[in-house]
Amino acid sequence: MAGISTYAQTLRQIDQLGSMQINLADLQRQLATGKKAAFFNGLDRGVLTSQRARADTSKIDTFINNIDVAKHRMNVMTNSIEEIKTQTEFVQNALANQTQEGDTELGQIAPLANNVRNFVEDLLNTQDGDRYLFAGSDVENPPVNLSGSLDSYVQSQIDDWINGNIDTDTLISNYKDPEILTDATIGYSNALSNDITRDVSVRVDDSAEIDYTVRANSSGFRDVLVITSMILSLEATIDKASLDEGDLAGDFVTAPGGSQQEQNDNFYGLFSDLTAQLNTAIGNMSNDGFKIAQSQRQINVIRNTLSQEQNMMKAQIASVEDSNINEIAVSLSALQTQLEASYSVTATVARLSLVNFL
């Protein structure tokens, strides 16, 4: 008995089943991963859009990371500056109070000045990891080391003043003039002393950098170190501002002068200038802090802009690469139904024969 040939139809049906199984597997993968394709070449015309957006996103990631690192360093620097200002104000207030009272006791101020000087040195050598933050670009070396040369210089100046070799105005001029009292003498690093450090900045985009450099030899910090050293040397050298009635000149070391009035004038002239110079130093440190604050505001604005751009890039990537889960679920359900129907038809066709037909 001859059978009805269904071979060709069966082959076509098998091809259709294979194609639907491939589609089913792809839909299941999309449902599991949320992505339209496993590889970029599966995105067709969207591949260039996706790759460009991913490259832009990666670049923005780098800039945002740069900014976050710089923000941390700026915060550390700002906190250090504010603490130095606070400590300096303690000394400045102590000097001002004694000037107002008209009876100066250097022995009461010197311990405070010594503590503040050591504290300021430590803060100027603040590090973030292995980087010294107040060293400019010379980040591997501590910017300041009070090894003793400053004390020696200050002591020699005060000795010359007491002995009458220099007057009060010259003494004041000498400790203020950076060409006379050099950064190297104070104890600053070779790079800072010779002004060979570059500025420190953060790269925030392809063409812009934000500078946040504050060096340890900035005038405010420098003055604090010098003036506290002057106070220590004065306290160690001078017994009293001027001789009282009945005092013998050989029994006491005083400020220079041929009379009690001249001695008082010289001492309080110097003392008042030290007080005023500390006040100026506090103002200069405020300017340093303001510079960093401006840089912080700038990079915060730029970071927000970069984050918005990054979100746009991510949305663009998602529109090209991500599958619509709801649509995939509907398509998957429809394809499963279609596949089940195709299996049923294929099975029926395969069983056809002339006997069944008759």
Protein backbone atom coordinates (compact mmCIF):
# COMPACT_ATOMS: atom_id res chain seq x y z
CA MET A 1 0.00 0.00 0.00
CA ALA A 2 1.48 3.37 -0.97
CA GLY A 3 1.88 6.18 1.62
CA ILE A 4 1.28 9.85 1.03
CA SER A 5 4.67 11.60 0.79
CA THR A 6 5.00 14.31 3.45
CA TYR A 7 8.79 14.44 3.48
CA ALA A 8 9.18 17.92 2.01
CA GLN A 9 6.50 19.38 4.24
CA THR A 10 8.05 17.75 7.28
CA LEU A 11 11.45 19.27 6.47
CA ARG A 12 9.92 22.72 6.16
CA GLN A 13 8.13 22.23 9.43
CA ILE A 14 11.37 21.14 11.12
CA ASP A 15 13.16 24.25 9.77
CA GLN A 16 10.41 26.44 11.17
CA LEU A 17 10.62 24.66 14.50
CA GLY A 18 14.41 25.18 14.58
CA SER A 19 14.00 28.88 13.84
CA MET A 20 11.38 29.25 16.56
CA GLN A 21 13.59 27.40 19.04
CA ILE A 22 16.42 29.81 18.27
CA ASN A 23 14.07 32.76 18.81
CA LEU A 24 12.80 31.15 22.01
CA ALA A 25 16.35 30.76 23.35
CA ASP A 26 17.14 34.37 22.46
CA LEU A 27 14.02 35.66 24.19
CA GLN A 28 14.81 33.58 27.26
CA ARG A 29 18.35 35.02 27.31
CA GLN A 30 17.00 38.57 26.97
CA LEU A 31 14.55 37.91 29.79
CA ALA A 32 17.35 36.59 32.03
CA THR A 33 19.99 39.24 31.22
CA GLY A 34 17.84 42.22 30.30
CA LYS A 35 20.04 42.80 27.24
CA LYS A 36 19.04 42.68 23.60
CA ALA A 37 22.26 40.98 22.50
CA ALA A 38 25.10 39.03 24.06
CA PHE A 39 27.71 40.81 21.90
CA PHE A 40 28.01 44.28 20.36
CA ASN A 41 27.60 42.93 16.82
CA GLY A 42 24.13 41.83 17.78
CA LEU A 43 23.01 45.45 18.19
CA ASP A 44 23.07 46.11 14.45
CA ARG A 45 22.98 49.84 13.75
CA GLY A 46 22.98 50.69 17.47
CA VAL A 47 26.47 49.31 18.01
CA LEU A 48 28.28 52.60 17.27
CA THR A 49 25.92 54.54 19.51
CA SER A 50 26.49 52.07 22.34
CA GLN A 51 30.27 52.00 22.01
CA ARG A 52 30.58 55.79 21.86
CA ALA A 53 28.30 56.23 24.86
CA ARG A 54 30.27 53.64 26.81
CA ALA A 55 33.56 55.38 25.96
CA ASP A 56 32.14 58.73 27.10
CA THR A 57 30.83 57.17 30.30
CA SER A 58 34.23 55.65 31.06
CA LYS A 59 35.92 59.02 30.50
CA ILE A 60 33.42 60.74 32.79
CA ASP A 61 34.09 58.07 35.43
CA THR A 62 37.77 59.02 35.34
CA PHE A 63 37.02 62.73 35.75
CA ILE A 64 34.57 62.11 38.60
CA ASN A 65 37.14 59.93 40.36
CA ASN A 66 39.74 62.69 39.92
CA ILE A 67 37.34 65.19 41.43
CA ASP A 68 36.45 62.97 44.39
CA VAL A 69 40.13 62.43 45.21
CA ALA A 70 40.81 66.17 44.95
CA LYS A 71 37.76 66.99 47.09
CA HIS A 72 39.07 64.75 49.84
CA ARG A 73 42.48 66.43 49.71
CA MET A 74 40.93 69.89 49.70
CA ASN A 75 38.85 68.98 52.77
CA VAL A 76 41.98 67.80 54.59
CA MET A 77 43.82 71.00 53.62
CA THR A 78 40.89 73.20 54.65
CA ASN A 79 40.65 71.50 58.04
CA SER A 80 44.41 71.95 58.55
CA ILE A 81 44.27 75.64 57.65
CA GLU A 82 41.34 76.25 59.98
CA GLU A 83 43.13 74.48 62.83
CA ILE A 84 46.30 76.51 62.25
CA LYS A 85 44.21 79.69 62.29
CA THR A 86 42.55 78.65 65.54
CA GLN A 87 45.88 77.90 67.22
CA THR A 88 47.35 81.16 65.92
CA GLU A 89 44.41 83.09 67.33
CA PHE A 90 45.19 81.66 70.77
CA VAL A 91 48.68 83.15 70.62
CA GLN A 92 47.48 86.41 69.07
CA ASN A 93 44.84 86.84 71.77
CA ALA A 94 47.37 86.12 74.51
CA LEU A 95 49.69 88.78 73.09
CA ALA A 96 46.89 91.29 72.66
CA ASN A 97 45.58 90.77 76.18
CA GLN A 98 48.96 91.32 77.77
CA THR A 99 49.54 94.44 75.67
CA GLN A 100 46.23 95.86 76.91
CA GLU A 101 47.08 95.04 80.52
CA GLY A 102 50.43 96.79 80.16
CA ASP A 103 52.32 94.05 81.98
CA THR A 104 53.85 91.48 79.68
CA GLU A 105 54.78 88.06 81.04
CA LEU A 106 56.55 86.21 78.27
CA GLY A 107 56.79 83.17 80.52
CA GLN A 108 53.03 82.76 80.24
CA ILE A 109 52.98 83.04 76.44
CA ALA A 110 56.10 81.03 75.55
CA PRO A 111 54.71 77.53 76.34
CA LEU A 112 51.66 78.29 74.21
CA ALA A 113 53.84 79.62 71.39
CA ASN A 114 56.03 76.51 71.53
CA ASN A 115 53.04 74.15 71.37
CA VAL A 116 51.50 76.10 68.50
CA ARG A 117 54.75 76.17 66.53
CA ASN A 118 55.16 72.39 66.79
CA PHE A 119 51.50 71.87 65.96
CA VAL A 120 51.70 74.11 62.89
CA GLU A 121 54.79 72.26 61.66
CA ASP A 122 52.91 68.96 61.92
CA LEU A 123 49.86 70.33 60.10
CA LEU A 124 51.95 71.81 57.30
CA ASN A 125 53.39 68.33 56.81
CA THR A 126 49.90 66.83 56.49
CA GLN A 127 49.73 63.87 54.10
CA ASP A 128 47.08 62.11 52.09
CA GLY A 129 48.56 58.65 51.76
CA ASP A 130 52.15 59.31 50.72
CA ARG A 131 51.49 62.80 49.33
CA TYR A 132 52.39 65.95 51.26
CA LEU A 133 49.49 68.30 50.60
CA PHE A 134 51.22 71.64 51.28
CA ALA A 135 54.37 70.87 49.28
CA GLY A 136 53.15 71.94 45.84
CA SER A 137 54.15 69.37 43.24
CA ASP A 138 57.04 68.13 45.41
CA VAL A 139 54.62 65.71 47.06
CA GLU A 140 57.19 63.13 48.18
CA ASN A 141 59.11 65.43 50.55
CA PRO A 142 57.94 67.12 53.76
CA PRO A 143 57.62 70.84 53.07
CA VAL A 144 58.98 72.06 56.42
CA ASN A 145 61.50 70.89 58.99
CA LEU A 146 62.34 73.22 61.86
CA SER A 147 65.82 71.84 62.33
CA GLY A 148 67.16 74.77 64.35
CA SER A 149 68.42 77.23 61.77
CA LEU A 150 65.39 79.49 62.37
CA ASP A 151 66.03 79.54 66.11
CA SER A 152 69.68 80.38 65.53
CA TYR A 153 68.85 83.24 63.19
CA VAL A 154 66.18 84.70 65.49
CA GLN A 155 68.46 84.44 68.52
CA SER A 156 71.29 86.23 66.73
CA GLN A 157 68.91 89.02 65.71
CA ILE A 158 67.61 89.49 69.24
CA ASP A 159 71.14 89.45 70.63
CA ASP A 160 72.13 92.20 68.14
CA TRP A 161 69.05 94.16 69.14
CA ILE A 162 69.73 93.89 72.87
CA ASN A 163 73.38 94.83 72.35
CA GLY A 164 72.39 97.88 70.32
CA ASN A 165 73.85 96.64 67.05
CA ILE A 166 70.46 97.01 65.35
CA ASP A 167 67.48 99.13 66.32
CA THR A 168 63.89 97.96 66.74
CA ASP A 169 62.82 98.97 63.24
CA THR A 170 65.69 96.99 61.73
CA LEU A 171 64.89 93.94 63.83
CA ILE A 172 61.27 94.08 62.70
CA SER A 173 62.28 94.58 59.09
CA ASN A 174 64.73 91.68 59.21
CA TYR A 175 62.25 89.07 60.43
CA LYS A 176 59.62 90.24 57.94
CA ASP A 177 61.84 90.39 54.86
CA PRO A 178 61.94 86.98 53.06
CA GLU A 179 65.11 88.02 51.28
CA ILE A 180 66.87 88.40 54.62
CA LEU A 181 65.15 85.64 56.57
CA THR A 182 64.94 83.14 53.73
CA ASP A 183 62.69 80.11 53.45
CA ALA A 184 65.75 77.88 53.61
CA THR A 185 66.75 79.43 56.96
CA ILE A 186 63.26 78.85 58.32
CA GLY A 187 63.45 75.18 57.39
CA TYR A 188 61.39 74.86 54.22
CA SER A 189 62.22 72.15 51.70
CA ASN A 190 64.68 72.78 48.91
CA ALA A 191 61.85 72.78 46.33
CA LEU A 192 59.84 75.41 48.22
CA SER A 193 62.88 77.50 49.16
CA ASN A 194 63.99 77.68 45.54
CA ASP A 195 60.47 78.08 44.15
CA ILE A 196 60.80 75.10 41.81
CA THR A 197 57.51 73.37 42.63
CA ARG A 198 54.64 73.40 40.18
CA ASP A 199 51.04 74.08 41.11
CA VAL A 200 48.70 71.26 42.07
CA SER A 201 45.49 70.91 40.07
CA VAL A 202 42.79 68.40 39.21
CA ARG A 203 41.81 67.49 35.66
CA VAL A 204 38.02 67.84 35.47
CA ASP A 205 37.42 67.41 31.73
CA ASP A 206 39.31 67.19 28.46
CA SER A 207 40.42 70.80 28.52
CA ALA A 208 40.07 72.14 32.08
CA GLU A 209 42.05 71.87 35.30
CA ILE A 210 41.20 73.40 38.68
CA ASP A 211 44.13 74.69 40.74
CA TYR A 212 44.01 74.16 44.51
CA THR A 213 47.63 74.86 45.43
CA VAL A 214 48.45 76.19 48.89
CA ARG A 215 52.10 75.90 49.87
CA ALA A 216 53.54 75.61 53.35
CA ASN A 217 55.64 78.74 52.78
CA SER A 218 52.59 80.88 52.14
CA SER A 219 53.06 84.17 54.01
CA GLY A 220 50.49 83.39 56.73
CA PHE A 221 52.06 80.07 57.71
CA ARG A 222 55.55 81.52 57.41
CA ASP A 223 54.75 84.37 59.78
CA VAL A 224 53.31 82.03 62.41
CA LEU A 225 56.50 79.97 62.47
CA VAL A 226 58.72 83.06 62.64
CA ILE A 227 56.73 84.94 65.27
CA THR A 228 56.34 81.98 67.60
CA SER A 229 60.10 81.48 67.30
CA MET A 230 60.63 85.17 68.14
CA ILE A 231 58.47 84.81 71.24
CA LEU A 232 60.42 81.76 72.40
CA SER A 233 63.75 83.51 71.89
CA LEU A 234 62.58 86.69 73.63
CA GLU A 235 61.34 84.69 76.60
CA ALA A 236 64.63 82.78 76.83
CA THR A 237 66.75 85.95 76.60
CA ILE A 238 64.99 88.90 78.22
CA ASP A 239 64.40 89.00 81.97
CA LYS A 240 62.08 91.99 81.86
CA ALA A 241 61.08 94.73 79.43
CA SER A 242 62.89 97.47 81.34
CA LEU A 243 64.77 98.07 84.54
CA ASP A 244 62.73 99.11 87.51
CA GLU A 245 63.94 101.79 89.90
CA GLY A 246 66.79 100.39 91.96
CA ASP A 247 67.61 97.55 89.54
CA LEU A 248 71.22 97.16 88.56
CA ALA A 249 71.83 96.89 84.80
CA GLY A 250 74.15 93.94 85.24
CA ASP A 251 71.49 91.92 87.08
CA PHE A 252 68.91 91.85 84.28
CA VAL A 253 68.70 91.54 80.50
CA THR A 254 66.21 94.05 79.09
CA ALA A 255 65.24 95.60 75.80
CA PRO A 256 67.82 98.09 74.54
CA GLY A 257 67.67 101.72 75.61
CA GLY A 258 69.43 104.30 77.74
CA SER A 259 66.42 104.85 79.96
CA GLN A 260 63.45 102.93 81.27
CA GLN A 261 61.22 104.77 78.78
CA GLU A 262 63.42 103.88 75.81
CA GLN A 263 63.55 100.25 76.95
CA ASN A 264 59.77 100.14 77.26
CA ASP A 265 59.29 101.82 73.89
CA ASN A 266 61.60 99.35 72.17
CA PHE A 267 60.12 96.30 73.85
CA TYR A 268 56.48 97.22 73.29
CA GLY A 269 57.22 98.44 69.77
CA LEU A 270 58.49 94.95 68.95
CA PHE A 271 55.79 93.25 70.99
CA SER A 272 53.01 95.23 69.28
CA ASP A 273 54.41 94.44 65.85
CA LEU A 274 54.49 90.71 66.65
CA THR A 275 50.83 90.94 67.69
CA ALA A 276 49.85 92.86 64.55
CA GLN A 277 51.83 90.49 62.33
CA LEU A 278 49.98 87.49 63.76
CA ASN A 279 46.70 89.24 62.98
CA THR A 280 47.88 89.76 59.40
CA ALA A 281 48.93 86.11 59.23
CA ILE A 282 45.44 85.01 60.24
CA GLY A 283 44.00 87.12 57.42
CA ASN A 284 46.42 85.66 54.89
CA MET A 285 45.55 82.12 55.99
CA SER A 286 41.89 82.99 55.54
CA ASN A 287 42.73 83.96 51.95
CA ASP A 288 44.41 80.57 51.45
CA GLY A 289 41.32 78.85 52.79
CA PHE A 290 39.11 80.97 50.54
CA LYS A 291 41.15 79.91 47.51
CA ILE A 292 40.53 76.25 48.28
CA ALA A 293 36.85 76.95 48.98
CA GLN A 294 36.50 78.54 45.54
CA SER A 295 38.10 75.50 43.92
CA GLN A 296 35.77 73.23 45.87
CA ARG A 297 32.72 75.13 44.65
CA GLN A 298 33.95 74.95 41.06
CA ILE A 299 34.57 71.22 41.10
CA ASN A 300 31.24 70.58 42.83
CA VAL A 301 29.44 72.34 39.98
CA ILE A 302 31.48 70.46 37.40
CA ARG A 303 30.89 67.14 39.16
CA ASN A 304 27.14 67.68 39.12
CA THR A 305 27.29 68.47 35.40
CA LEU A 306 29.39 65.37 34.73
CA SER A 307 26.94 63.22 36.69
CA GLN A 308 24.07 64.54 34.60
CA GLU A 309 25.98 63.85 31.39
CA GLN A 310 26.82 60.37 32.63
CA ASN A 311 23.16 59.66 33.39
CA MET A 312 22.29 60.75 29.84
CA MET A 313 24.96 58.42 28.45
CA LYS A 314 23.67 55.55 30.56
CA ALA A 315 20.13 56.21 29.35
CA GLN A 316 21.40 56.19 25.77
CA ILE A 317 23.18 52.89 26.35
CA ALA A 318 20.06 51.43 27.94
CA SER A 319 17.88 52.49 25.02
CA VAL A 320 20.21 50.67 22.62
CA GLU A 321 21.18 47.62 24.67
CA ASP A 322 18.39 46.91 27.16
CA SER A 323 15.38 44.77 26.38
CA ASN A 324 11.82 45.73 27.24
CA ILE A 325 11.05 43.02 29.77
CA ASN A 326 7.27 43.37 29.35
CA GLU A 327 7.49 43.05 25.58
CA ILE A 328 9.87 40.10 25.90
CA ALA A 329 7.48 38.33 28.27
CA VAL A 330 4.57 38.78 25.86
CA SER A 331 6.64 37.66 22.85
CA LEU A 332 7.94 34.68 24.79
CA SER A 333 4.45 33.57 25.76
CA ALA A 334 3.22 33.94 22.16
CA LEU A 335 6.20 32.06 20.78
CA GLN A 336 5.74 29.22 23.27
CA THR A 337 2.12 28.88 22.20
CA GLN A 338 3.12 28.98 18.54
CA LEU A 339 5.85 26.42 19.13
CA GLU A 340 3.50 24.03 20.90
CA ALA A 341 1.03 24.33 18.00
CA SER A 342 3.80 23.71 15.48
CA TYR A 343 4.91 20.58 17.35
CA SER A 344 1.33 19.31 17.24
CA VAL A 345 0.97 19.98 13.49
CA THR A 346 4.32 18.38 12.76
CA ALA A 347 3.35 15.26 14.66
CA THR A 348 0.01 15.02 12.83
CA VAL A 349 1.61 15.45 9.41
CA ALA A 350 4.20 12.79 10.21
CA ARG A 351 1.43 10.25 10.92
CA LEU A 352 -0.45 10.82 7.63
CA SER A 353 -0.85 7.76 5.33
CA LEU A 354 -3.27 6.69 2.56
CA VAL A 355 -4.99 4.36 5.00
CA ASN A 356 -5.59 7.20 7.45
CA PHE A 357 -6.71 9.39 4.56
CA LEU A 358 -9.26 6.79 3.31
